[in-house]
Amino acid sequence: MPRPSSDQVARAILERYPRTYGEELGLRRLDAPSPLFRLLVMAHLMSARIRASVAVDAARALSEQGWTTPRRMAEASWEDRTRVLNQAGYARYDERTSSMLGDASELLLDRYRSDLRRLRDEADQDPAQERRLLKAFKGIGDVGVDIFFREAQRSWPELYPFADRRALEAAEKLGLGRETADLTHLVADHDFARLVSGLVRVGLDRAFDEVRAKASDLAG
């Protein structure tokens, strides 16, 4: 059986994981205040030591309550936020996370009038400054910013191309290179965020053999 090319490995990843976590949450466009806020919430939830699928389910549950803006999240009671997180399976971190989501929503209201695009403007579209400002939100550290950047690069061109450590570690194991630039020629620009997200998921699912097998089928 012929050895698959890097392009075929990338195609195998996209076939296995055709959507980013944000797209699974319904965040197809990130050019308005509400989807950007929901992305920030998702990044917060996913950055904890908890399964990504549980974090996405919890983010979806919060959205289904109508808490899709900072004001609605802030107006929800601590008890209600905690209850929804707990029922969604986010049990280990529900109380602390409920508090931090309330604090983050208040900061977003007060400093950016509910709109993360104003944070982007304040940072002059400089990724380093955007990272610094995002880390001012309680519960958002470098891992949370990485998750936010992976998705936001679809709408914030200054972030493209962005691949975090987890994605690059998976890429190296699959023989795709160890630098972000190594990945950019494998897919079209609009699929790059999906490839990076897929690489993270390959690593989390330990699906390296499955991806290699699929790529070999494509090569054959």
N, C-alpha and C. Protein backbone atom coordinates (compact mmCIF):
# COMPACT_ATOMS: atom_id res chain seq x y z
N MET A 1 0.85 -1.19 0.00
CA MET A 1 0.00 0.00 0.00
C MET A 1 0.89 1.24 0.00
N PRO A 2 0.62 2.22 -0.88
CA PRO A 2 1.47 3.42 -0.95
C PRO A 2 1.35 4.25 0.32
N ARG A 3 2.46 4.91 0.65
CA ARG A 3 2.46 5.78 1.83
C ARG A 3 1.68 7.04 1.51
N PRO A 4 0.75 7.43 2.38
CA PRO A 4 -0.06 8.62 2.08
C PRO A 4 0.76 9.90 2.15
N SER A 5 0.37 10.86 1.36
CA SER A 5 1.01 12.16 1.38
C SER A 5 0.46 12.99 2.54
N SER A 6 1.12 14.09 2.81
CA SER A 6 0.64 15.00 3.86
C SER A 6 -0.75 15.52 3.51
N ASP A 7 -0.98 15.81 2.24
CA ASP A 7 -2.30 16.28 1.81
C ASP A 7 -3.37 15.24 2.12
N GLN A 8 -3.05 13.97 1.90
CA GLN A 8 -4.03 12.92 2.17
C GLN A 8 -4.27 12.74 3.67
N VAL A 9 -3.23 12.92 4.47
CA VAL A 9 -3.41 12.87 5.94
C VAL A 9 -4.32 14.01 6.37
N ALA A 10 -4.09 15.20 5.84
CA ALA A 10 -4.93 16.35 6.19
C ALA A 10 -6.37 16.09 5.76
N ARG A 11 -6.55 15.51 4.59
CA ARG A 11 -7.91 15.21 4.13
C ARG A 11 -8.57 14.19 5.04
N ALA A 12 -7.81 13.22 5.50
CA ALA A 12 -8.36 12.21 6.41
C ALA A 12 -8.81 12.85 7.72
N ILE A 13 -8.04 13.82 8.20
CA ILE A 13 -8.41 14.52 9.43
C ILE A 13 -9.72 15.27 9.23
N LEU A 14 -9.84 15.98 8.12
CA LEU A 14 -11.05 16.76 7.87
C LEU A 14 -12.27 15.86 7.65
N GLU A 15 -12.06 14.69 7.09
CA GLU A 15 -13.19 13.78 6.92
C GLU A 15 -13.66 13.22 8.26
N ARG A 16 -12.70 13.01 9.16
CA ARG A 16 -13.07 12.50 10.49
C ARG A 16 -13.66 13.60 11.37
N TYR A 17 -13.11 14.81 11.25
CA TYR A 17 -13.56 15.94 12.07
C TYR A 17 -13.87 17.12 11.15
N PRO A 18 -15.02 17.13 10.50
CA PRO A 18 -15.30 18.15 9.50
C PRO A 18 -15.64 19.53 10.05
N ARG A 19 -15.91 19.61 11.36
CA ARG A 19 -16.29 20.90 11.95
C ARG A 19 -15.42 21.20 13.17
N THR A 20 -15.22 22.48 13.43
CA THR A 20 -14.55 22.88 14.66
C THR A 20 -15.52 22.72 15.82
N TYR A 21 -14.99 22.82 17.03
CA TYR A 21 -15.88 22.79 18.19
C TYR A 21 -16.88 23.93 18.13
N GLY A 22 -16.43 25.09 17.72
CA GLY A 22 -17.33 26.23 17.62
C GLY A 22 -18.44 26.00 16.60
N GLU A 23 -18.10 25.42 15.47
CA GLU A 23 -19.13 25.12 14.46
C GLU A 23 -20.12 24.11 15.00
N GLU A 24 -19.67 23.15 15.78
CA GLU A 24 -20.59 22.20 16.40
C GLU A 24 -21.55 22.90 17.35
N LEU A 25 -21.09 23.99 17.93
CA LEU A 25 -21.93 24.77 18.83
C LEU A 25 -22.84 25.72 18.06
N GLY A 26 -22.69 25.77 16.75
CA GLY A 26 -23.51 26.65 15.93
C GLY A 26 -22.87 27.98 15.64
N LEU A 27 -21.58 28.13 15.96
CA LEU A 27 -20.88 29.40 15.75
C LEU A 27 -20.22 29.39 14.38
N ARG A 28 -21.01 29.55 13.36
CA ARG A 28 -20.47 29.50 12.00
C ARG A 28 -19.84 30.83 11.60
N ARG A 29 -20.40 31.93 12.10
CA ARG A 29 -19.86 33.26 11.81
C ARG A 29 -19.49 33.91 13.14
N LEU A 30 -18.34 34.50 13.18
CA LEU A 30 -17.85 35.12 14.41
C LEU A 30 -17.63 36.61 14.19
N ASP A 31 -18.64 37.25 13.65
CA ASP A 31 -18.52 38.67 13.30
C ASP A 31 -19.56 39.53 14.00
N ALA A 32 -20.09 39.02 15.13
CA ALA A 32 -21.10 39.76 15.87
C ALA A 32 -20.88 39.52 17.37
N PRO A 33 -21.40 40.40 18.23
CA PRO A 33 -21.14 40.28 19.67
C PRO A 33 -21.57 38.96 20.30
N SER A 34 -22.76 38.47 19.98
CA SER A 34 -23.25 37.26 20.65
C SER A 34 -22.40 36.03 20.34
N PRO A 35 -22.12 35.71 19.08
CA PRO A 35 -21.28 34.52 18.83
C PRO A 35 -19.87 34.65 19.41
N LEU A 36 -19.32 35.85 19.44
CA LEU A 36 -18.00 36.03 20.04
C LEU A 36 -18.06 35.79 21.55
N PHE A 37 -19.12 36.25 22.18
CA PHE A 37 -19.29 35.99 23.61
C PHE A 37 -19.45 34.50 23.86
N ARG A 38 -20.25 33.83 23.05
CA ARG A 38 -20.45 32.39 23.22
C ARG A 38 -19.13 31.63 23.00
N LEU A 39 -18.30 32.12 22.08
CA LEU A 39 -16.99 31.51 21.89
C LEU A 39 -16.12 31.70 23.13
N LEU A 40 -16.17 32.88 23.72
CA LEU A 40 -15.39 33.12 24.95
C LEU A 40 -15.85 32.17 26.06
N VAL A 41 -17.15 31.98 26.18
CA VAL A 41 -17.67 31.04 27.19
C VAL A 41 -17.19 29.63 26.90
N MET A 42 -17.25 29.22 25.64
CA MET A 42 -16.79 27.88 25.27
C MET A 42 -15.31 27.71 25.58
N ALA A 43 -14.51 28.72 25.25
CA ALA A 43 -13.07 28.65 25.52
C ALA A 43 -12.81 28.53 27.02
N HIS A 44 -13.57 29.27 27.81
CA HIS A 44 -13.46 29.18 29.26
C HIS A 44 -13.75 27.76 29.73
N LEU A 45 -14.85 27.20 29.29
CA LEU A 45 -15.26 25.87 29.74
C LEU A 45 -14.28 24.79 29.28
N MET A 46 -13.78 24.93 28.06
CA MET A 46 -12.90 23.90 27.51
C MET A 46 -11.50 23.94 28.10
N SER A 47 -11.13 25.06 28.72
CA SER A 47 -9.76 25.17 29.23
C SER A 47 -9.58 24.48 30.57
N ALA A 48 -10.67 24.02 31.18
CA ALA A 48 -10.57 23.27 32.44
C ALA A 48 -10.16 21.83 32.14
N ARG A 49 -9.74 21.12 33.18
CA ARG A 49 -9.34 19.72 33.03
C ARG A 49 -10.60 18.85 32.98
N ILE A 50 -11.27 18.91 31.86
CA ILE A 50 -12.51 18.18 31.67
C ILE A 50 -12.62 17.81 30.19
N ARG A 51 -13.34 16.76 29.88
CA ARG A 51 -13.45 16.33 28.48
C ARG A 51 -14.03 17.44 27.63
N ALA A 52 -13.46 17.60 26.45
CA ALA A 52 -13.92 18.66 25.55
C ALA A 52 -15.39 18.51 25.22
N SER A 53 -15.84 17.28 25.01
CA SER A 53 -17.25 17.08 24.67
C SER A 53 -18.18 17.53 25.78
N VAL A 54 -17.77 17.32 27.04
CA VAL A 54 -18.57 17.78 28.18
C VAL A 54 -18.61 19.30 28.21
N ALA A 55 -17.46 19.93 27.96
CA ALA A 55 -17.39 21.39 27.96
C ALA A 55 -18.29 21.98 26.86
N VAL A 56 -18.28 21.37 25.68
CA VAL A 56 -19.13 21.86 24.59
C VAL A 56 -20.60 21.67 24.94
N ASP A 57 -20.93 20.53 25.54
CA ASP A 57 -22.31 20.30 25.97
C ASP A 57 -22.74 21.35 26.99
N ALA A 58 -21.85 21.70 27.90
CA ALA A 58 -22.16 22.71 28.90
C ALA A 58 -22.36 24.08 28.26
N ALA A 59 -21.50 24.41 27.29
CA ALA A 59 -21.66 25.68 26.58
C ALA A 59 -22.99 25.72 25.84
N ARG A 60 -23.37 24.60 25.25
CA ARG A 60 -24.65 24.53 24.55
C ARG A 60 -25.81 24.69 25.53
N ALA A 61 -25.69 24.07 26.69
CA ALA A 61 -26.76 24.17 27.69
C ALA A 61 -26.94 25.61 28.16
N LEU A 62 -25.85 26.33 28.36
CA LEU A 62 -25.94 27.73 28.75
C LEU A 62 -26.64 28.56 27.66
N SER A 63 -26.29 28.30 26.41
CA SER A 63 -26.91 29.02 25.30
C SER A 63 -28.40 28.72 25.21
N GLU A 64 -28.76 27.47 25.47
CA GLU A 64 -30.17 27.08 25.39
C GLU A 64 -31.02 27.76 26.46
N GLN A 65 -30.37 28.24 27.51
CA GLN A 65 -31.08 29.02 28.52
C GLN A 65 -31.31 30.47 28.07
N GLY A 66 -30.73 30.81 26.91
CA GLY A 66 -30.85 32.18 26.42
C GLY A 66 -29.75 33.09 26.90
N TRP A 67 -28.73 32.50 27.56
CA TRP A 67 -27.63 33.31 28.11
C TRP A 67 -26.55 33.47 27.04
N THR A 68 -26.93 34.14 25.98
CA THR A 68 -26.05 34.26 24.80
C THR A 68 -25.40 35.63 24.69
N THR A 69 -25.62 36.47 25.69
CA THR A 69 -24.98 37.78 25.74
C THR A 69 -24.44 37.99 27.15
N PRO A 70 -23.48 38.87 27.31
CA PRO A 70 -22.97 39.15 28.66
C PRO A 70 -24.06 39.62 29.62
N ARG A 71 -24.98 40.45 29.13
CA ARG A 71 -26.02 40.94 30.03
C ARG A 71 -26.91 39.81 30.52
N ARG A 72 -27.31 38.93 29.62
CA ARG A 72 -28.17 37.83 30.04
C ARG A 72 -27.44 36.88 30.97
N MET A 73 -26.15 36.65 30.71
CA MET A 73 -25.38 35.78 31.60
C MET A 73 -25.24 36.42 32.98
N ALA A 74 -24.97 37.72 33.00
CA ALA A 74 -24.79 38.41 34.27
C ALA A 74 -26.10 38.49 35.06
N GLU A 75 -27.21 38.61 34.36
CA GLU A 75 -28.50 38.71 35.04
C GLU A 75 -28.98 37.38 35.57
N ALA A 76 -28.49 36.27 35.01
CA ALA A 76 -28.85 34.95 35.55
C ALA A 76 -28.25 34.81 36.94
N SER A 77 -28.96 34.13 37.81
CA SER A 77 -28.44 33.97 39.17
C SER A 77 -27.29 32.98 39.20
N TRP A 78 -26.43 33.14 40.19
CA TRP A 78 -25.33 32.19 40.40
C TRP A 78 -25.87 30.78 40.54
N GLU A 79 -26.98 30.65 41.26
CA GLU A 79 -27.58 29.32 41.46
C GLU A 79 -28.05 28.70 40.15
N ASP A 80 -28.67 29.52 39.31
CA ASP A 80 -29.17 28.99 38.03
C ASP A 80 -28.02 28.59 37.11
N ARG A 81 -26.99 29.41 37.05
CA ARG A 81 -25.84 29.04 36.22
C ARG A 81 -25.21 27.74 36.73
N THR A 82 -25.06 27.65 38.04
CA THR A 82 -24.46 26.44 38.62
C THR A 82 -25.30 25.22 38.32
N ARG A 83 -26.62 25.35 38.43
CA ARG A 83 -27.51 24.22 38.17
C ARG A 83 -27.39 23.73 36.73
N VAL A 84 -27.37 24.67 35.78
CA VAL A 84 -27.30 24.29 34.37
C VAL A 84 -25.97 23.61 34.07
N LEU A 85 -24.88 24.15 34.59
CA LEU A 85 -23.57 23.53 34.39
C LEU A 85 -23.54 22.12 34.97
N ASN A 86 -24.07 21.97 36.17
CA ASN A 86 -24.08 20.66 36.82
C ASN A 86 -24.89 19.65 36.03
N GLN A 87 -26.06 20.06 35.58
CA GLN A 87 -26.92 19.14 34.82
C GLN A 87 -26.31 18.78 33.48
N ALA A 88 -25.45 19.64 32.95
CA ALA A 88 -24.79 19.35 31.67
C ALA A 88 -23.56 18.46 31.85
N GLY A 89 -23.26 18.08 33.10
CA GLY A 89 -22.12 17.21 33.34
C GLY A 89 -20.86 17.92 33.75
N TYR A 90 -20.94 19.26 33.90
CA TYR A 90 -19.78 20.06 34.25
C TYR A 90 -19.71 20.18 35.78
N ALA A 91 -19.76 19.04 36.44
CA ALA A 91 -20.02 19.03 37.88
C ALA A 91 -18.82 19.44 38.73
N ARG A 92 -17.63 19.05 38.35
CA ARG A 92 -16.46 19.32 39.20
C ARG A 92 -16.15 20.80 39.33
N TYR A 93 -16.54 21.58 38.32
CA TYR A 93 -16.15 22.98 38.30
C TYR A 93 -17.36 23.92 38.27
N ASP A 94 -18.55 23.39 38.56
CA ASP A 94 -19.76 24.18 38.32
C ASP A 94 -19.83 25.45 39.16
N GLU A 95 -19.56 25.36 40.46
CA GLU A 95 -19.72 26.54 41.32
C GLU A 95 -18.69 27.62 41.00
N ARG A 96 -17.44 27.22 40.89
CA ARG A 96 -16.37 28.18 40.59
C ARG A 96 -16.58 28.79 39.21
N THR A 97 -16.94 27.97 38.25
CA THR A 97 -17.13 28.46 36.89
C THR A 97 -18.33 29.39 36.81
N SER A 98 -19.39 29.09 37.54
CA SER A 98 -20.55 29.98 37.57
C SER A 98 -20.15 31.38 38.03
N SER A 99 -19.32 31.45 39.06
CA SER A 99 -18.85 32.76 39.55
C SER A 99 -18.01 33.47 38.50
N MET A 100 -17.08 32.74 37.88
CA MET A 100 -16.19 33.37 36.91
C MET A 100 -16.93 33.82 35.66
N LEU A 101 -17.96 33.08 35.24
CA LEU A 101 -18.74 33.51 34.08
C LEU A 101 -19.49 34.80 34.40
N GLY A 102 -19.97 34.92 35.63
CA GLY A 102 -20.62 36.16 36.02
C GLY A 102 -19.64 37.31 36.03
N ASP A 103 -18.45 37.10 36.59
CA ASP A 103 -17.43 38.16 36.64
C ASP A 103 -16.98 38.56 35.24
N ALA A 104 -16.75 37.56 34.37
CA ALA A 104 -16.31 37.85 33.00
C ALA A 104 -17.37 38.64 32.24
N SER A 105 -18.63 38.29 32.46
CA SER A 105 -19.72 39.00 31.79
C SER A 105 -19.79 40.45 32.24
N GLU A 106 -19.60 40.67 33.54
CA GLU A 106 -19.61 42.05 34.05
C GLU A 106 -18.46 42.86 33.46
N LEU A 107 -17.28 42.26 33.35
CA LEU A 107 -16.14 42.97 32.76
C LEU A 107 -16.41 43.30 31.30
N LEU A 108 -16.99 42.36 30.58
CA LEU A 108 -17.28 42.58 29.16
C LEU A 108 -18.31 43.70 28.99
N LEU A 109 -19.29 43.72 29.89
CA LEU A 109 -20.28 44.80 29.85
C LEU A 109 -19.64 46.15 30.15
N ASP A 110 -18.86 46.19 31.20
CA ASP A 110 -18.33 47.47 31.67
C ASP A 110 -17.25 48.03 30.75
N ARG A 111 -16.35 47.16 30.29
CA ARG A 111 -15.18 47.65 29.55
C ARG A 111 -15.41 47.71 28.05
N TYR A 112 -16.20 46.77 27.52
CA TYR A 112 -16.33 46.67 26.07
C TYR A 112 -17.78 46.78 25.58
N ARG A 113 -18.67 47.16 26.48
CA ARG A 113 -20.09 47.33 26.13
C ARG A 113 -20.62 46.10 25.39
N SER A 114 -20.26 44.93 25.92
CA SER A 114 -20.78 43.62 25.48
C SER A 114 -20.16 43.11 24.18
N ASP A 115 -19.21 43.82 23.63
CA ASP A 115 -18.74 43.51 22.27
C ASP A 115 -17.23 43.26 22.26
N LEU A 116 -16.82 42.01 22.03
CA LEU A 116 -15.41 41.68 21.99
C LEU A 116 -14.69 42.30 20.79
N ARG A 117 -15.43 42.79 19.83
CA ARG A 117 -14.78 43.49 18.73
C ARG A 117 -14.13 44.79 19.24
N ARG A 118 -14.66 45.33 20.32
CA ARG A 118 -14.03 46.51 20.91
C ARG A 118 -12.71 46.14 21.58
N LEU A 119 -12.63 44.94 22.13
CA LEU A 119 -11.34 44.45 22.65
C LEU A 119 -10.34 44.36 21.51
N ARG A 120 -10.79 43.86 20.39
CA ARG A 120 -9.91 43.76 19.21
C ARG A 120 -9.42 45.13 18.77
N ASP A 121 -10.33 46.11 18.79
CA ASP A 121 -9.94 47.47 18.43
C ASP A 121 -8.94 48.04 19.43
N GLU A 122 -9.19 47.80 20.71
CA GLU A 122 -8.28 48.31 21.74
C GLU A 122 -6.88 47.72 21.57
N ALA A 123 -6.83 46.48 21.11
CA ALA A 123 -5.55 45.81 20.90
C ALA A 123 -4.90 46.18 19.57
N ASP A 124 -5.56 47.03 18.78
CA ASP A 124 -5.05 47.40 17.44
C ASP A 124 -4.82 46.17 16.57
N GLN A 125 -5.66 45.17 16.78
CA GLN A 125 -5.58 43.92 16.01
C GLN A 125 -4.19 43.28 16.10
N ASP A 126 -3.58 43.42 17.23
CA ASP A 126 -2.27 42.81 17.52
C ASP A 126 -2.53 41.55 18.35
N PRO A 127 -2.23 40.36 17.83
CA PRO A 127 -2.52 39.12 18.56
C PRO A 127 -1.93 39.08 19.97
N ALA A 128 -0.74 39.63 20.15
CA ALA A 128 -0.13 39.62 21.49
C ALA A 128 -0.95 40.46 22.45
N GLN A 129 -1.44 41.60 21.98
CA GLN A 129 -2.26 42.45 22.84
C GLN A 129 -3.64 41.85 23.04
N GLU A 130 -4.18 41.22 22.02
CA GLU A 130 -5.46 40.53 22.16
C GLU A 130 -5.35 39.42 23.22
N ARG A 131 -4.25 38.70 23.21
CA ARG A 131 -4.04 37.66 24.22
C ARG A 131 -3.99 38.27 25.62
N ARG A 132 -3.27 39.37 25.75
CA ARG A 132 -3.14 40.01 27.05
C ARG A 132 -4.51 40.46 27.57
N LEU A 133 -5.31 41.07 26.71
CA LEU A 133 -6.61 41.57 27.12
C LEU A 133 -7.59 40.43 27.42
N LEU A 134 -7.55 39.38 26.65
CA LEU A 134 -8.44 38.24 26.91
C LEU A 134 -8.11 37.59 28.25
N LYS A 135 -6.85 37.59 28.62
CA LYS A 135 -6.45 36.97 29.89
C LYS A 135 -6.89 37.79 31.10
N ALA A 136 -7.42 38.96 30.86
CA ALA A 136 -7.99 39.74 31.97
C ALA A 136 -9.33 39.17 32.43
N PHE A 137 -9.96 38.34 31.61
CA PHE A 137 -11.21 37.70 32.00
C PHE A 137 -10.91 36.53 32.93
N LYS A 138 -11.57 36.50 34.08
CA LYS A 138 -11.34 35.42 35.02
C LYS A 138 -11.64 34.07 34.37
N GLY A 139 -10.72 33.13 34.56
CA GLY A 139 -10.89 31.80 34.00
C GLY A 139 -10.28 31.61 32.63
N ILE A 140 -9.77 32.69 32.04
CA ILE A 140 -9.14 32.60 30.72
C ILE A 140 -7.64 32.77 30.89
N GLY A 141 -6.90 31.69 30.68
CA GLY A 141 -5.44 31.74 30.66
C GLY A 141 -4.95 31.49 29.26
N ASP A 142 -3.71 31.10 29.12
CA ASP A 142 -3.16 30.88 27.78
C ASP A 142 -3.88 29.76 27.04
N VAL A 143 -4.27 28.69 27.75
CA VAL A 143 -5.00 27.61 27.08
C VAL A 143 -6.34 28.13 26.55
N GLY A 144 -7.04 28.89 27.37
CA GLY A 144 -8.31 29.45 26.92
C GLY A 144 -8.15 30.38 25.74
N VAL A 145 -7.11 31.20 25.76
CA VAL A 145 -6.86 32.08 24.61
C VAL A 145 -6.54 31.26 23.36
N ASP A 146 -5.76 30.19 23.52
CA ASP A 146 -5.45 29.34 22.37
C ASP A 146 -6.74 28.79 21.75
N ILE A 147 -7.66 28.34 22.58
CA ILE A 147 -8.93 27.81 22.08
C ILE A 147 -9.70 28.92 21.35
N PHE A 148 -9.74 30.10 21.95
CA PHE A 148 -10.42 31.24 21.32
C PHE A 148 -9.77 31.57 19.98
N PHE A 149 -8.44 31.65 19.96
CA PHE A 149 -7.73 32.00 18.72
C PHE A 149 -7.95 30.95 17.62
N ARG A 150 -7.96 29.67 18.00
CA ARG A 150 -8.16 28.62 16.98
C ARG A 150 -9.43 28.87 16.19
N GLU A 151 -10.47 29.29 16.89
CA GLU A 151 -11.75 29.52 16.24
C GLU A 151 -11.83 30.91 15.62
N ALA A 152 -11.38 31.93 16.36
CA ALA A 152 -11.56 33.32 15.93
C ALA A 152 -10.76 33.65 14.68
N GLN A 153 -9.72 32.86 14.36
CA GLN A 153 -8.95 33.16 13.15
C GLN A 153 -9.80 33.06 11.89
N ARG A 154 -10.96 32.45 11.99
CA ARG A 154 -11.87 32.41 10.84
C ARG A 154 -12.42 33.79 10.51
N SER A 155 -12.46 34.68 11.51
CA SER A 155 -13.02 36.02 11.30
C SER A 155 -12.07 37.15 11.64
N TRP A 156 -11.00 36.85 12.37
CA TRP A 156 -10.01 37.86 12.72
C TRP A 156 -8.73 37.54 11.94
N PRO A 157 -8.56 38.14 10.77
CA PRO A 157 -7.45 37.76 9.89
C PRO A 157 -6.07 37.91 10.51
N GLU A 158 -5.92 38.81 11.47
CA GLU A 158 -4.60 38.99 12.07
C GLU A 158 -4.13 37.75 12.83
N LEU A 159 -5.05 36.86 13.18
CA LEU A 159 -4.68 35.64 13.90
C LEU A 159 -4.22 34.53 12.96
N TYR A 160 -4.63 34.61 11.71
CA TYR A 160 -4.31 33.53 10.76
C TYR A 160 -2.86 33.64 10.27
N PRO A 161 -2.14 32.52 10.20
CA PRO A 161 -2.54 31.17 10.62
C PRO A 161 -2.15 30.92 12.08
N PHE A 162 -3.07 30.32 12.82
CA PHE A 162 -2.79 30.03 14.23
C PHE A 162 -2.97 28.54 14.50
N ALA A 163 -1.96 27.94 15.11
CA ALA A 163 -2.04 26.55 15.58
C ALA A 163 -1.39 26.50 16.95
N ASP A 164 -2.08 25.93 17.91
CA ASP A 164 -1.55 25.89 19.26
C ASP A 164 -0.67 24.66 19.47
N ARG A 165 -0.11 24.57 20.67
CA ARG A 165 0.83 23.49 20.98
C ARG A 165 0.21 22.11 20.77
N ARG A 166 -1.03 21.93 21.20
CA ARG A 166 -1.66 20.62 21.06
C ARG A 166 -1.78 20.21 19.60
N ALA A 167 -2.17 21.15 18.76
CA ALA A 167 -2.30 20.86 17.34
C ALA A 167 -0.96 20.52 16.72
N LEU A 168 0.07 21.28 17.08
CA LEU A 168 1.38 21.05 16.48
C LEU A 168 2.00 19.75 16.96
N GLU A 169 1.74 19.36 18.19
CA GLU A 169 2.24 18.06 18.67
C GLU A 169 1.60 16.92 17.88
N ALA A 170 0.30 17.02 17.63
CA ALA A 170 -0.38 16.00 16.83
C ALA A 170 0.13 16.00 15.39
N ALA A 171 0.35 17.19 14.84
CA ALA A 171 0.85 17.29 13.47
C ALA A 171 2.21 16.61 13.33
N GLU A 172 3.08 16.83 14.31
CA GLU A 172 4.40 16.21 14.24
C GLU A 172 4.29 14.69 14.29
N LYS A 173 3.42 14.16 15.13
CA LYS A 173 3.25 12.71 15.23
C LYS A 173 2.72 12.11 13.93
N LEU A 174 1.98 12.91 13.19
CA LEU A 174 1.42 12.43 11.92
C LEU A 174 2.33 12.74 10.73
N GLY A 175 3.50 13.30 11.01
CA GLY A 175 4.44 13.59 9.94
C GLY A 175 4.09 14.80 9.10
N LEU A 176 3.33 15.72 9.68
CA LEU A 176 2.91 16.91 8.93
C LEU A 176 3.82 18.11 9.19
N GLY A 177 4.84 17.92 9.99
CA GLY A 177 5.72 19.03 10.34
C GLY A 177 5.49 19.47 11.76
N ARG A 178 6.31 20.39 12.21
CA ARG A 178 6.22 20.85 13.60
C ARG A 178 5.97 22.34 13.72
N GLU A 179 5.78 23.02 12.59
CA GLU A 179 5.55 24.46 12.61
C GLU A 179 4.20 24.77 11.96
N THR A 180 3.62 25.88 12.39
CA THR A 180 2.33 26.29 11.82
C THR A 180 2.42 26.44 10.31
N ALA A 181 3.53 26.99 9.83
CA ALA A 181 3.69 27.20 8.39
C ALA A 181 3.64 25.90 7.61
N ASP A 182 4.03 24.78 8.25
CA ASP A 182 4.00 23.49 7.56
C ASP A 182 2.57 23.07 7.22
N LEU A 183 1.60 23.60 7.94
CA LEU A 183 0.21 23.17 7.76
C LEU A 183 -0.55 24.02 6.76
N THR A 184 -0.07 25.22 6.51
CA THR A 184 -0.87 26.16 5.73
C THR A 184 -1.08 25.73 4.28
N HIS A 185 -0.12 24.97 3.73
CA HIS A 185 -0.25 24.59 2.32
C HIS A 185 -1.07 23.31 2.14
N LEU A 186 -1.54 22.72 3.24
CA LEU A 186 -2.24 21.43 3.14
C LEU A 186 -3.72 21.58 2.83
N VAL A 187 -4.30 22.71 3.20
CA VAL A 187 -5.73 22.92 3.00
C VAL A 187 -5.97 24.36 2.55
N ALA A 188 -7.16 24.60 2.04
CA ALA A 188 -7.54 25.97 1.69
C ALA A 188 -7.65 26.81 2.96
N ASP A 189 -7.52 28.11 2.81
CA ASP A 189 -7.55 29.00 3.97
C ASP A 189 -8.80 28.78 4.83
N HIS A 190 -9.96 28.59 4.18
CA HIS A 190 -11.21 28.48 4.94
C HIS A 190 -11.30 27.16 5.70
N ASP A 191 -10.43 26.21 5.39
CA ASP A 191 -10.42 24.93 6.11
C ASP A 191 -9.31 24.86 7.16
N PHE A 192 -8.49 25.90 7.27
CA PHE A 192 -7.33 25.81 8.16
C PHE A 192 -7.75 25.65 9.62
N ALA A 193 -8.72 26.43 10.06
CA ALA A 193 -9.18 26.31 11.46
C ALA A 193 -9.75 24.92 11.72
N ARG A 194 -10.40 24.35 10.72
CA ARG A 194 -10.93 22.98 10.88
C ARG A 194 -9.79 21.97 10.99
N LEU A 195 -8.74 22.16 10.21
CA LEU A 195 -7.60 21.25 10.29
C LEU A 195 -6.94 21.34 11.66
N VAL A 196 -6.73 22.55 12.15
CA VAL A 196 -6.09 22.73 13.46
C VAL A 196 -6.96 22.12 14.55
N SER A 197 -8.25 22.38 14.50
CA SER A 197 -9.16 21.79 15.48
C SER A 197 -9.14 20.27 15.37
N GLY A 198 -9.13 19.77 14.15
CA GLY A 198 -9.08 18.32 13.96
C GLY A 198 -7.82 17.70 14.52
N LEU A 199 -6.70 18.37 14.36
CA LEU A 199 -5.45 17.86 14.92
C LEU A 199 -5.53 17.77 16.44
N VAL A 200 -6.10 18.78 17.07
CA VAL A 200 -6.28 18.73 18.52
C VAL A 200 -7.12 17.53 18.91
N ARG A 201 -8.16 17.28 18.14
CA ARG A 201 -9.07 16.17 18.47
C ARG A 201 -8.43 14.82 18.20
N VAL A 202 -7.59 14.74 17.19
CA VAL A 202 -6.83 13.49 16.97
C VAL A 202 -6.01 13.17 18.22
N GLY A 203 -5.36 14.20 18.76
CA GLY A 203 -4.56 13.98 19.95
C GLY A 203 -5.39 13.60 21.15
N LEU A 204 -6.50 14.30 21.37
CA LEU A 204 -7.35 14.01 22.51
C LEU A 204 -7.98 12.62 22.41
N ASP A 205 -8.35 12.23 21.20
CA ASP A 205 -8.98 10.92 20.99
C ASP A 205 -7.97 9.79 20.79
N ARG A 206 -6.69 10.16 20.73
CA ARG A 206 -5.64 9.18 20.42
C ARG A 206 -5.99 8.40 19.15
N ALA A 207 -6.37 9.16 18.13
CA ALA A 207 -6.87 8.56 16.89
C ALA A 207 -5.82 8.56 15.78
N PHE A 208 -4.55 8.55 16.14
CA PHE A 208 -3.49 8.62 15.14
C PHE A 208 -3.54 7.44 14.17
N ASP A 209 -3.71 6.23 14.69
CA ASP A 209 -3.74 5.05 13.82
C ASP A 209 -4.93 5.09 12.87
N GLU A 210 -6.07 5.54 13.38
CA GLU A 210 -7.26 5.61 12.55
C GLU A 210 -7.08 6.62 11.41
N VAL A 211 -6.46 7.74 11.71
CA VAL A 211 -6.22 8.76 10.68
C VAL A 211 -5.23 8.24 9.65
N ARG A 212 -4.18 7.59 10.11
CA ARG A 212 -3.21 7.03 9.17
C ARG A 212 -3.86 5.98 8.27
N ALA A 213 -4.73 5.15 8.84
CA ALA A 213 -5.40 4.12 8.05
C ALA A 213 -6.30 4.76 6.99
N LYS A 214 -7.03 5.80 7.38
CA LYS A 214 -7.91 6.48 6.43
C LYS A 214 -7.09 7.15 5.34
N ALA A 215 -5.98 7.76 5.72
CA ALA A 215 -5.12 8.40 4.72
C ALA A 215 -4.54 7.36 3.75
N SER A 216 -4.20 6.19 4.27
CA SER A 216 -3.70 5.11 3.39
C SER A 216 -4.77 4.68 2.41
N ASP A 217 -6.02 4.62 2.86
CA ASP A 217 -7.11 4.28 1.94
C ASP A 217 -7.24 5.33 0.84
N LEU A 218 -7.08 6.59 1.21
CA LEU A 218 -7.15 7.66 0.22
C LEU A 218 -5.99 7.56 -0.78
N ALA A 219 -4.83 7.12 -0.26
CA ALA A 219 -3.66 6.99 -1.13
C ALA A 219 -3.79 5.81 -2.09
N GLY A 220 -4.53 4.80 -1.64
CA GLY A 220 -4.65 3.58 -2.47
C GLY A 220 -5.60 3.74 -3.61
